Amino acid sequence: MTTEIPPQVQHQLAQLQQVQQQAQALATQKAQVTSALNETEMALDELDKLDDDAVIYRNVGQLLIRSDRDTVKEDLAEKKETMKLRVSTLERQEERIGKRFQQLQEQLRNAIGGGMA
């Protein structure tokens, strides 16, 4: 007795795999942005520890350019806010993709369970 998988179930399986891949990609992106956010926060903390007249350099491509503390601090603060927004966006996307994954799993269980009855 051979059991062939109905086309609808095959389609749902493919969707489930695609959603799972999207979830993994989002998790990777979130980890990268979170890491960059942590580094930026550490840099801001270190800037706060420096004297106002301390010499600061920042990377611009492959160059180190001398910059004033306030400008660097302002740039880092903007970068931090942007990354925080990106993390929250990724979290919302993860939540939606997780719900979609659960929906597809349930549909698949029903299709498999219904086909066996």
N, C-alpha and C. Protein backbone atom coordinates (compact mmCIF):
# COMPACT_ATOMS: atom_id res chain seq x y z
N MET A 1 0.84 -1.18 0.00
CA MET A 1 0.00 0.00 0.00
C MET A 1 0.89 1.25 0.00
N THR A 2 0.80 2.02 -1.06
CA THR A 2 1.60 3.23 -1.13
C THR A 2 0.75 4.43 -0.72
N THR A 3 1.37 5.29 0.05
CA THR A 3 0.66 6.48 0.49
C THR A 3 1.27 7.68 -0.22
N GLU A 4 0.46 8.32 -1.03
CA GLU A 4 0.91 9.51 -1.74
C GLU A 4 0.47 10.74 -0.96
N ILE A 5 1.35 11.71 -0.89
CA ILE A 5 1.03 12.95 -0.17
C ILE A 5 0.21 13.82 -1.11
N PRO A 6 -0.98 14.22 -0.66
CA PRO A 6 -1.82 15.08 -1.50
C PRO A 6 -1.12 16.41 -1.81
N PRO A 7 -1.41 16.99 -2.97
CA PRO A 7 -0.78 18.25 -3.36
C PRO A 7 -0.98 19.37 -2.34
N GLN A 8 -2.16 19.41 -1.73
CA GLN A 8 -2.43 20.46 -0.73
C GLN A 8 -1.48 20.32 0.47
N VAL A 9 -1.24 19.11 0.91
CA VAL A 9 -0.34 18.87 2.04
C VAL A 9 1.09 19.19 1.63
N GLN A 10 1.47 18.84 0.42
CA GLN A 10 2.81 19.18 -0.08
C GLN A 10 3.01 20.69 -0.09
N HIS A 11 1.98 21.40 -0.53
CA HIS A 11 2.05 22.87 -0.57
C HIS A 11 2.19 23.43 0.85
N GLN A 12 1.42 22.89 1.78
CA GLN A 12 1.50 23.36 3.16
C GLN A 12 2.86 23.06 3.78
N LEU A 13 3.42 21.92 3.45
CA LEU A 13 4.77 21.58 3.93
C LEU A 13 5.80 22.56 3.39
N ALA A 14 5.67 22.89 2.12
CA ALA A 14 6.61 23.84 1.50
C ALA A 14 6.47 25.21 2.17
N GLN A 15 5.25 25.64 2.44
CA GLN A 15 5.03 26.91 3.12
C GLN A 15 5.63 26.90 4.52
N LEU A 16 5.45 25.79 5.21
CA LEU A 16 5.99 25.64 6.57
C LEU A 16 7.52 25.75 6.56
N GLN A 17 8.14 25.10 5.60
CA GLN A 17 9.60 25.19 5.48
C GLN A 17 10.05 26.62 5.17
N GLN A 18 9.32 27.28 4.30
CA GLN A 18 9.66 28.65 3.93
C GLN A 18 9.53 29.58 5.14
N VAL A 19 8.48 29.42 5.91
CA VAL A 19 8.28 30.24 7.10
C VAL A 19 9.38 29.96 8.13
N GLN A 20 9.77 28.71 8.24
CA GLN A 20 10.84 28.35 9.17
C GLN A 20 12.16 29.01 8.74
N GLN A 21 12.44 29.02 7.47
CA GLN A 21 13.65 29.68 6.96
C GLN A 21 13.61 31.18 7.22
N GLN A 22 12.44 31.78 7.04
CA GLN A 22 12.28 33.21 7.31
C GLN A 22 12.52 33.50 8.78
N ALA A 23 12.01 32.64 9.65
CA ALA A 23 12.20 32.81 11.09
C ALA A 23 13.69 32.73 11.45
N GLN A 24 14.41 31.81 10.83
CA GLN A 24 15.84 31.68 11.10
C GLN A 24 16.59 32.91 10.60
N ALA A 25 16.22 33.42 9.44
CA ALA A 25 16.87 34.62 8.90
C ALA A 25 16.62 35.82 9.80
N LEU A 26 15.40 35.95 10.29
CA LEU A 26 15.07 37.05 11.20
C LEU A 26 15.87 36.95 12.50
N ALA A 27 15.99 35.74 13.02
CA ALA A 27 16.75 35.54 14.26
C ALA A 27 18.21 35.93 14.06
N THR A 28 18.76 35.59 12.92
CA THR A 28 20.15 35.95 12.61
C THR A 28 20.30 37.47 12.51
N GLN A 29 19.39 38.11 11.80
CA GLN A 29 19.43 39.58 11.67
C GLN A 29 19.31 40.24 13.04
N LYS A 30 18.39 39.74 13.85
CA LYS A 30 18.18 40.33 15.17
C LYS A 30 19.44 40.19 16.03
N ALA A 31 20.09 39.04 15.95
CA ALA A 31 21.32 38.82 16.72
C ALA A 31 22.41 39.80 16.28
N GLN A 32 22.53 40.03 14.97
CA GLN A 32 23.54 40.95 14.46
C GLN A 32 23.26 42.38 14.90
N VAL A 33 22.00 42.80 14.79
CA VAL A 33 21.64 44.17 15.17
C VAL A 33 21.79 44.36 16.68
N THR A 34 21.41 43.36 17.45
CA THR A 34 21.55 43.43 18.90
C THR A 34 23.01 43.54 19.31
N SER A 35 23.85 42.79 18.63
CA SER A 35 25.29 42.86 18.91
C SER A 35 25.84 44.25 18.60
N ALA A 36 25.46 44.80 17.46
CA ALA A 36 25.90 46.15 17.09
C ALA A 36 25.36 47.18 18.07
N LEU A 37 24.13 46.99 18.53
CA LEU A 37 23.54 47.90 19.51
C LEU A 37 24.32 47.86 20.82
N ASN A 38 24.68 46.67 21.25
CA ASN A 38 25.47 46.53 22.49
C ASN A 38 26.83 47.22 22.36
N GLU A 39 27.47 47.06 21.20
CA GLU A 39 28.76 47.71 20.97
C GLU A 39 28.62 49.24 20.99
N THR A 40 27.55 49.74 20.40
CA THR A 40 27.31 51.17 20.38
C THR A 40 27.07 51.70 21.79
N GLU A 41 26.30 50.96 22.58
CA GLU A 41 26.05 51.36 23.97
C GLU A 41 27.35 51.37 24.78
N MET A 42 28.21 50.39 24.54
CA MET A 42 29.50 50.35 25.23
C MET A 42 30.36 51.54 24.83
N ALA A 43 30.35 51.89 23.55
CA ALA A 43 31.12 53.04 23.08
C ALA A 43 30.60 54.33 23.72
N LEU A 44 29.29 54.46 23.81
CA LEU A 44 28.71 55.65 24.46
C LEU A 44 29.11 55.72 25.94
N ASP A 45 29.10 54.57 26.60
CA ASP A 45 29.52 54.53 28.01
C ASP A 45 30.97 54.96 28.16
N GLU A 46 31.82 54.50 27.26
CA GLU A 46 33.24 54.87 27.32
C GLU A 46 33.43 56.36 27.03
N LEU A 47 32.65 56.90 26.10
CA LEU A 47 32.73 58.33 25.81
C LEU A 47 32.37 59.16 27.04
N ASP A 48 31.40 58.69 27.79
CA ASP A 48 30.99 59.42 29.00
C ASP A 48 32.10 59.46 30.04
N LYS A 49 32.97 58.48 30.01
CA LYS A 49 34.06 58.41 30.98
C LYS A 49 35.23 59.33 30.63
N LEU A 50 35.29 59.76 29.37
CA LEU A 50 36.41 60.58 28.91
C LEU A 50 36.25 62.05 29.31
N ASP A 51 37.39 62.71 29.43
CA ASP A 51 37.38 64.15 29.67
C ASP A 51 36.87 64.86 28.42
N ASP A 52 36.35 66.06 28.61
CA ASP A 52 35.82 66.83 27.49
C ASP A 52 36.88 67.13 26.42
N ASP A 53 38.13 67.26 26.84
CA ASP A 53 39.18 67.61 25.88
C ASP A 53 39.94 66.38 25.35
N ALA A 54 39.42 65.19 25.60
CA ALA A 54 40.09 63.97 25.13
C ALA A 54 40.09 63.92 23.60
N VAL A 55 41.16 63.37 23.04
CA VAL A 55 41.27 63.22 21.59
C VAL A 55 40.57 61.93 21.19
N ILE A 56 39.66 62.04 20.22
CA ILE A 56 38.86 60.90 19.79
C ILE A 56 39.01 60.74 18.29
N TYR A 57 39.14 59.49 17.89
CA TYR A 57 39.19 59.16 16.47
C TYR A 57 38.03 58.23 16.16
N ARG A 58 37.52 58.34 14.94
CA ARG A 58 36.46 57.42 14.52
C ARG A 58 36.81 56.87 13.15
N ASN A 59 36.29 55.68 12.88
CA ASN A 59 36.53 55.02 11.60
C ASN A 59 35.68 55.65 10.52
N VAL A 60 36.33 55.98 9.41
CA VAL A 60 35.62 56.39 8.21
C VAL A 60 36.25 55.57 7.10
N GLY A 61 35.58 54.48 6.75
CA GLY A 61 36.18 53.56 5.79
C GLY A 61 37.42 52.93 6.41
N GLN A 62 38.55 53.09 5.75
CA GLN A 62 39.80 52.54 6.26
C GLN A 62 40.64 53.59 6.97
N LEU A 63 40.06 54.76 7.19
CA LEU A 63 40.79 55.85 7.84
C LEU A 63 40.30 56.06 9.26
N LEU A 64 41.19 56.56 10.09
CA LEU A 64 40.81 57.04 11.41
C LEU A 64 40.86 58.56 11.34
N ILE A 65 39.74 59.18 11.60
CA ILE A 65 39.62 60.63 11.50
C ILE A 65 39.43 61.20 12.90
N ARG A 66 40.18 62.24 13.19
CA ARG A 66 40.05 62.91 14.48
C ARG A 66 38.69 63.62 14.52
N SER A 67 38.01 63.48 15.63
CA SER A 67 36.67 64.05 15.73
C SER A 67 36.45 64.58 17.14
N ASP A 68 35.52 65.50 17.27
CA ASP A 68 35.27 66.00 18.62
C ASP A 68 34.24 65.10 19.32
N ARG A 69 34.34 65.09 20.62
CA ARG A 69 33.57 64.18 21.46
C ARG A 69 32.06 64.32 21.25
N ASP A 70 31.57 65.55 21.20
CA ASP A 70 30.14 65.77 21.08
C ASP A 70 29.58 65.25 19.76
N THR A 71 30.33 65.44 18.69
CA THR A 71 29.88 64.95 17.38
C THR A 71 29.82 63.43 17.37
N VAL A 72 30.85 62.79 17.91
CA VAL A 72 30.87 61.32 17.96
C VAL A 72 29.73 60.82 18.83
N LYS A 73 29.52 61.47 19.96
CA LYS A 73 28.46 61.07 20.87
C LYS A 73 27.09 61.20 20.21
N GLU A 74 26.90 62.29 19.49
CA GLU A 74 25.64 62.53 18.79
C GLU A 74 25.41 61.46 17.72
N ASP A 75 26.46 61.17 16.94
CA ASP A 75 26.35 60.15 15.89
C ASP A 75 26.02 58.78 16.49
N LEU A 76 26.70 58.44 17.59
CA LEU A 76 26.45 57.15 18.22
C LEU A 76 25.04 57.08 18.81
N ALA A 77 24.56 58.17 19.37
CA ALA A 77 23.21 58.20 19.94
C ALA A 77 22.16 57.98 18.83
N GLU A 78 22.38 58.60 17.68
CA GLU A 78 21.47 58.41 16.54
C GLU A 78 21.51 56.96 16.07
N LYS A 79 22.71 56.43 15.99
CA LYS A 79 22.89 55.04 15.57
C LYS A 79 22.19 54.10 16.54
N LYS A 80 22.31 54.39 17.82
CA LYS A 80 21.68 53.57 18.86
C LYS A 80 20.15 53.57 18.70
N GLU A 81 19.58 54.74 18.49
CA GLU A 81 18.12 54.83 18.32
C GLU A 81 17.66 54.07 17.08
N THR A 82 18.40 54.20 16.00
CA THR A 82 18.06 53.49 14.77
C THR A 82 18.09 51.98 15.00
N MET A 83 19.11 51.51 15.70
CA MET A 83 19.23 50.07 15.95
C MET A 83 18.14 49.58 16.90
N LYS A 84 17.77 50.40 17.87
CA LYS A 84 16.68 50.02 18.77
C LYS A 84 15.38 49.84 17.99
N LEU A 85 15.13 50.77 17.07
CA LEU A 85 13.94 50.65 16.22
C LEU A 85 14.00 49.39 15.36
N ARG A 86 15.18 49.11 14.84
CA ARG A 86 15.35 47.92 14.00
C ARG A 86 15.10 46.64 14.82
N VAL A 87 15.60 46.61 16.04
CA VAL A 87 15.39 45.43 16.90
C VAL A 87 13.90 45.25 17.19
N SER A 88 13.21 46.34 17.50
CA SER A 88 11.78 46.21 17.80
C SER A 88 11.00 45.78 16.55
N THR A 89 11.40 46.26 15.38
CA THR A 89 10.76 45.83 14.14
C THR A 89 10.99 44.34 13.91
N LEU A 90 12.21 43.91 14.12
CA LEU A 90 12.52 42.48 13.95
C LEU A 90 11.75 41.62 14.95
N GLU A 91 11.58 42.12 16.16
CA GLU A 91 10.82 41.37 17.16
C GLU A 91 9.36 41.22 16.74
N ARG A 92 8.77 42.29 16.18
CA ARG A 92 7.39 42.21 15.70
C ARG A 92 7.29 41.23 14.53
N GLN A 93 8.29 41.27 13.64
CA GLN A 93 8.28 40.33 12.52
C GLN A 93 8.42 38.89 13.01
N GLU A 94 9.26 38.69 14.01
CA GLU A 94 9.42 37.34 14.58
C GLU A 94 8.10 36.86 15.17
N GLU A 95 7.40 37.75 15.84
CA GLU A 95 6.12 37.39 16.45
C GLU A 95 5.12 36.98 15.37
N ARG A 96 5.03 37.78 14.30
CA ARG A 96 4.10 37.46 13.21
C ARG A 96 4.47 36.14 12.53
N ILE A 97 5.75 35.94 12.30
CA ILE A 97 6.18 34.73 11.61
C ILE A 97 5.96 33.51 12.51
N GLY A 98 6.11 33.71 13.82
CA GLY A 98 5.83 32.61 14.76
C GLY A 98 4.37 32.21 14.74
N LYS A 99 3.49 33.21 14.69
CA LYS A 99 2.05 32.92 14.61
C LYS A 99 1.71 32.21 13.31
N ARG A 100 2.32 32.68 12.23
CA ARG A 100 2.09 32.05 10.92
C ARG A 100 2.58 30.60 10.93
N PHE A 101 3.71 30.37 11.56
CA PHE A 101 4.26 29.02 11.67
C PHE A 101 3.29 28.11 12.42
N GLN A 102 2.75 28.62 13.52
CA GLN A 102 1.79 27.82 14.31
C GLN A 102 0.52 27.54 13.51
N GLN A 103 0.04 28.53 12.75
CA GLN A 103 -1.14 28.33 11.91
C GLN A 103 -0.89 27.22 10.89
N LEU A 104 0.25 27.30 10.24
CA LEU A 104 0.56 26.30 9.22
C LEU A 104 0.71 24.91 9.83
N GLN A 105 1.32 24.84 11.01
CA GLN A 105 1.44 23.54 11.68
C GLN A 105 0.06 22.95 11.97
N GLU A 106 -0.83 23.80 12.46
CA GLU A 106 -2.18 23.35 12.79
C GLU A 106 -2.92 22.90 11.54
N GLN A 107 -2.80 23.68 10.46
CA GLN A 107 -3.44 23.30 9.20
C GLN A 107 -2.89 21.96 8.70
N LEU A 108 -1.60 21.79 8.84
CA LEU A 108 -0.96 20.56 8.41
C LEU A 108 -1.44 19.37 9.24
N ARG A 109 -1.51 19.57 10.56
CA ARG A 109 -2.02 18.49 11.44
C ARG A 109 -3.44 18.12 11.05
N ASN A 110 -4.27 19.12 10.80
CA ASN A 110 -5.66 18.85 10.40
C ASN A 110 -5.72 18.14 9.07
N ALA A 111 -4.88 18.55 8.12
CA ALA A 111 -4.89 17.91 6.79
C ALA A 111 -4.43 16.47 6.89
N ILE A 112 -3.41 16.23 7.70
CA ILE A 112 -2.90 14.86 7.85
C ILE A 112 -3.88 14.02 8.65
N GLY A 113 -4.38 14.59 9.74
CA GLY A 113 -5.35 13.88 10.57
C GLY A 113 -6.65 13.60 9.83
N GLY A 114 -7.10 14.59 9.05
CA GLY A 114 -8.32 14.44 8.28
C GLY A 114 -8.17 13.44 7.15
N GLY A 115 -6.98 13.36 6.59
CA GLY A 115 -6.73 12.42 5.48
C GLY A 115 -6.65 10.98 5.96
N MET A 116 -6.28 10.78 7.21
CA MET A 116 -6.12 9.43 7.73
C MET A 116 -7.44 8.87 8.28
N ALA A 117 -8.40 9.71 8.52
CA ALA A 117 -9.66 9.27 9.13
C ALA A 117 -10.52 8.55 8.15
